[in-house]
Amino acid sequence: MHSTTRDFSLSLYRQTALQETQQAYAELLDARFEHAEHNSHVTFSGDGDDLDFLIDAFCNHALFLSIQQYREDGVT
């Protein structure tokens, strides 16, 4: 099993968007979160050669949901 880590700044990514994305990708890869005051540190793990692709897709999905949530809240 391979693993890699990413940091998500909470000034850009919404915590709820990260949680929703974690649930959406649960069958594809394991994402373990460690939360701090200003960021979330995520360790991804999975089998197969497509782990990097799935992590990129995870990040893009979380960013999309964050933008959508900011717009719904009227935050610019």
Protein backbone atom coordinates (compact mmCIF):
# COMPACT_ATOMS: atom_id res chain seq x y z
CA MET A 1 0.00 0.00 0.00
CA HIS A 2 1.33 3.43 -0.96
CA SER A 3 0.78 6.63 0.99
CA THR A 4 1.38 10.36 0.59
CA THR A 5 0.35 13.50 2.45
CA ARG A 6 -1.19 16.85 1.56
CA ASP A 7 -1.97 19.97 3.59
CA PHE A 8 -5.21 21.85 2.98
CA SER A 9 -5.29 25.47 4.16
CA LEU A 10 -8.60 26.23 5.83
CA SER A 11 -8.42 29.75 4.42
CA LEU A 12 -9.10 28.17 1.03
CA TYR A 13 -10.74 24.79 1.70
CA ARG A 14 -13.89 24.46 3.75
CA GLN A 15 -13.81 21.77 6.43
CA THR A 16 -17.26 20.57 5.36
CA ALA A 17 -16.08 20.29 1.74
CA LEU A 18 -13.13 18.15 2.84
CA GLN A 19 -15.44 15.90 4.87
CA GLU A 20 -17.91 15.53 1.99
CA THR A 21 -15.07 14.69 -0.38
CA GLN A 22 -13.67 12.15 2.07
CA GLN A 23 -17.04 10.41 2.11
CA ALA A 24 -17.37 10.55 -1.68
CA TYR A 25 -13.93 8.99 -2.22
CA ALA A 26 -14.08 6.47 0.65
CA GLU A 27 -14.33 3.47 -1.66
CA LEU A 28 -11.42 4.64 -3.81
CA LEU A 29 -8.76 5.68 -1.29
CA ASP A 30 -8.19 6.06 2.42
CA ALA A 31 -7.90 9.66 3.64
CA ARG A 32 -6.90 10.14 7.28
CA PHE A 33 -7.24 13.67 8.64
CA GLU A 34 -5.33 15.53 11.33
CA HIS A 35 -6.87 18.93 11.99
CA ALA A 36 -5.04 22.01 13.19
CA GLU A 37 -6.21 25.56 13.69
CA HIS A 38 -5.43 26.76 10.16
CA ASN A 39 -5.08 23.61 8.09
CA SER A 40 -5.95 19.97 7.71
CA HIS A 41 -3.15 17.50 7.17
CA VAL A 42 -4.31 14.47 5.17
CA THR A 43 -2.52 11.17 4.68
CA PHE A 44 -3.79 9.33 1.63
CA SER A 45 -3.20 5.64 1.08
CA GLY A 46 -4.32 3.09 -1.45
CA ASP A 47 -3.30 0.34 -3.80
CA GLY A 48 -2.69 0.61 -7.50
CA ASP A 49 -0.91 2.92 -9.87
CA ASP A 50 -3.69 5.52 -9.91
CA LEU A 51 -3.20 6.86 -6.36
CA ASP A 52 -1.70 10.17 -7.55
CA PHE A 53 -4.57 10.63 -10.02
CA LEU A 54 -7.16 9.94 -7.29
CA ILE A 55 -5.48 12.38 -4.90
CA ASP A 56 -5.54 15.09 -7.58
CA ALA A 57 -9.22 14.37 -8.22
CA PHE A 58 -9.89 14.49 -4.46
CA CYS A 59 -8.19 17.90 -4.18
CA ASN A 60 -10.08 19.28 -7.18
CA HIS A 61 -13.41 18.02 -5.85
CA ALA A 62 -12.78 19.51 -2.40
CA LEU A 63 -11.83 22.84 -3.97
CA PHE A 64 -14.96 22.82 -6.16
CA LEU A 65 -17.18 22.13 -3.14
CA SER A 66 -15.41 24.85 -1.14
CA ILE A 67 -15.99 27.42 -3.88
CA GLN A 68 -19.61 26.34 -4.16
CA GLN A 69 -20.10 26.68 -0.38
CA TYR A 70 -18.45 30.12 -0.32
CA ARG A 71 -20.77 31.27 -3.11
CA GLU A 72 -23.84 29.89 -1.34
CA ASP A 73 -22.82 31.79 1.79
CA GLY A 74 -22.24 34.99 -0.20
CA VAL A 75 -18.56 35.12 0.73
CA THR A 76 -16.20 36.75 -1.77
